[in-house]
């Protein structure tokens, strides 16, 4: 089992329920193929860097998971078949990326630096 993360962009014309159902569909595909989902994040509606299929925004989603390599081709085939997906990218994570993701999930990068008064006390 290898570690992967996939980011996919859904078309902005979906309702919130349709978006959530689509994300659940892909999570279910992963689970049905023996994958273990580590983290799921819905980043919400974001502006695209450039228009894709005449759309300038999309719903961004991230799924971090552990899976067998053959699961990736099945997942990406389903991404290609679903007309609600306008872009996707799946990458394999090395140990450094996994460590970074763990810190990011714990919020270690969001902490504000301590002021001089807090350090002095």
Protein backbone atom coordinates (compact mmCIF):
# COMPACT_ATOMS: atom_id res chain seq x y z
CA UNK A 1 0.00 0.00 0.00
CA UNK A 2 1.32 3.41 -1.02
CA UNK A 3 0.24 6.86 0.14
CA UNK A 4 -1.42 9.21 -2.34
CA UNK A 5 -3.34 12.42 -2.44
CA UNK A 6 -5.73 13.53 -5.09
CA UNK A 7 -7.08 17.00 -5.70
CA UNK A 8 -10.05 17.38 -7.97
CA UNK A 9 -12.11 20.34 -9.12
CA UNK A 10 -15.86 20.10 -9.52
CA UNK A 11 -17.88 22.29 -11.83
CA UNK A 12 -19.26 25.40 -10.05
CA UNK A 13 -22.83 24.87 -11.30
CA UNK A 14 -23.48 22.13 -8.72
CA UNK A 15 -25.53 22.67 -5.58
CA UNK A 16 -23.82 22.00 -2.26
CA UNK A 17 -25.66 18.67 -1.91
CA UNK A 18 -24.61 17.57 -5.41
CA UNK A 19 -21.02 18.51 -4.63
CA UNK A 20 -21.01 16.55 -1.35
CA UNK A 21 -22.62 13.52 -3.05
CA UNK A 22 -19.94 13.55 -5.75
CA UNK A 23 -17.15 13.69 -3.16
CA UNK A 24 -18.79 10.79 -1.27
CA UNK A 25 -18.97 8.84 -4.53
CA UNK A 26 -15.19 9.06 -5.01
CA UNK A 27 -14.51 8.27 -1.36
CA UNK A 28 -16.71 5.19 -1.75
CA UNK A 29 -14.80 4.12 -4.88
CA UNK A 30 -11.58 4.27 -2.88
CA UNK A 31 -13.04 2.36 0.08
CA UNK A 32 -14.59 -0.29 -2.19
CA UNK A 33 -11.14 -0.93 -3.66
CA UNK A 34 -9.57 -1.51 -0.25
CA UNK A 35 -8.14 1.95 0.31
CA UNK A 36 -7.85 3.67 3.66
CA UNK A 37 -8.81 7.34 3.63
CA UNK A 38 -6.49 9.38 5.84
CA UNK A 39 -7.85 12.89 5.29
CA UNK A 40 -10.58 14.63 3.30
CA UNK A 41 -10.80 18.38 2.83
CA UNK A 42 -13.31 20.52 0.98
CA UNK A 43 -11.55 23.74 0.09
CA UNK A 44 -14.71 25.31 -1.32
CA UNK A 45 -15.34 27.47 -4.35
CA UNK A 46 -12.11 29.00 -5.65
CA UNK A 47 -11.14 31.06 -8.67
CA UNK A 48 -9.26 29.07 -11.30
CA UNK A 49 -5.91 30.27 -12.60
CA UNK A 50 -7.30 30.09 -16.14
CA UNK A 51 -10.72 29.19 -17.59
CA UNK A 52 -11.45 25.48 -17.91
CA UNK A 53 -14.45 24.46 -20.02
CA UNK A 54 -15.54 28.14 -20.06
CA UNK A 55 -15.67 28.25 -16.24
CA UNK A 56 -13.60 30.56 -14.06
CA UNK A 57 -14.35 28.97 -10.65
CA UNK A 58 -14.66 25.45 -9.26
CA UNK A 59 -15.13 23.47 -6.04
CA UNK A 60 -11.74 22.18 -4.88
CA UNK A 61 -11.49 18.91 -2.92
CA UNK A 62 -8.55 16.95 -1.52
CA UNK A 63 -8.47 13.30 -0.46
CA UNK A 64 -5.36 11.80 1.14
CA UNK A 65 -5.41 8.01 1.16
CA UNK A 66 -3.48 4.76 1.33
CA UNK A 67 -4.07 2.41 -1.61
CA UNK A 68 -2.66 -0.24 -3.87
CA UNK A 69 -1.18 1.18 -7.10
CA UNK A 70 -3.82 -0.46 -9.31
CA UNK A 71 -6.55 1.49 -7.47
CA UNK A 72 -5.27 4.75 -8.96
CA UNK A 73 -6.14 3.79 -12.52
CA UNK A 74 -9.67 2.82 -11.44
CA UNK A 75 -10.11 6.12 -9.59
CA UNK A 76 -8.82 8.20 -12.50
CA UNK A 77 -11.05 6.32 -14.94
CA UNK A 78 -14.04 7.32 -12.80
CA UNK A 79 -12.81 10.93 -12.71
CA UNK A 80 -12.69 10.95 -16.52
CA UNK A 81 -16.20 9.46 -16.80
CA UNK A 82 -17.83 11.98 -14.47
CA UNK A 83 -18.84 15.17 -16.25
CA UNK A 84 -18.89 17.06 -12.93
CA UNK A 85 -15.08 16.80 -12.66
CA UNK A 86 -13.27 19.50 -14.62
CA UNK A 87 -9.70 18.68 -13.44
CA UNK A 88 -7.94 16.17 -11.20
CA UNK A 89 -4.42 15.30 -10.14
CA UNK A 90 -3.28 12.29 -8.11
CA UNK A 91 0.25 12.12 -6.75
CA UNK A 92 2.19 9.54 -4.75
CA UNK A 93 3.49 10.88 -1.44
CA UNK A 94 7.00 10.24 -0.17
CA UNK A 95 7.94 10.26 3.51
CA UNK A 96 8.66 13.99 3.48
CA UNK A 97 5.27 14.85 1.97
CA UNK A 98 3.54 12.59 4.50
CA UNK A 99 5.36 14.34 7.37
CA UNK A 100 4.41 17.75 5.94
CA UNK A 101 0.74 16.71 5.59
CA UNK A 102 0.70 15.45 9.17
CA UNK A 103 2.00 18.81 10.43
CA UNK A 104 -0.47 20.67 8.22
CA UNK A 105 -3.41 18.64 9.59
CA UNK A 106 -2.32 19.39 13.16
CA UNK A 107 -2.23 23.11 12.31
CA UNK A 108 1.44 23.59 13.08
CA UNK A 109 1.85 25.99 10.15
CA UNK A 110 -1.10 28.17 11.20
CA UNK A 111 0.25 29.12 14.62
CA UNK A 112 1.19 32.75 15.01
CA UNK A 113 4.65 33.55 16.21
CA UNK A 114 4.88 34.63 19.85
CA UNK A 115 5.31 38.31 20.56
CA UNK A 116 8.40 39.59 22.40
CA UNK A 117 6.33 40.08 25.59
CA UNK A 118 5.21 36.43 25.60
CA UNK A 119 8.77 35.23 25.10
CA UNK A 120 10.11 37.48 27.89
CA UNK A 121 7.58 36.16 30.45
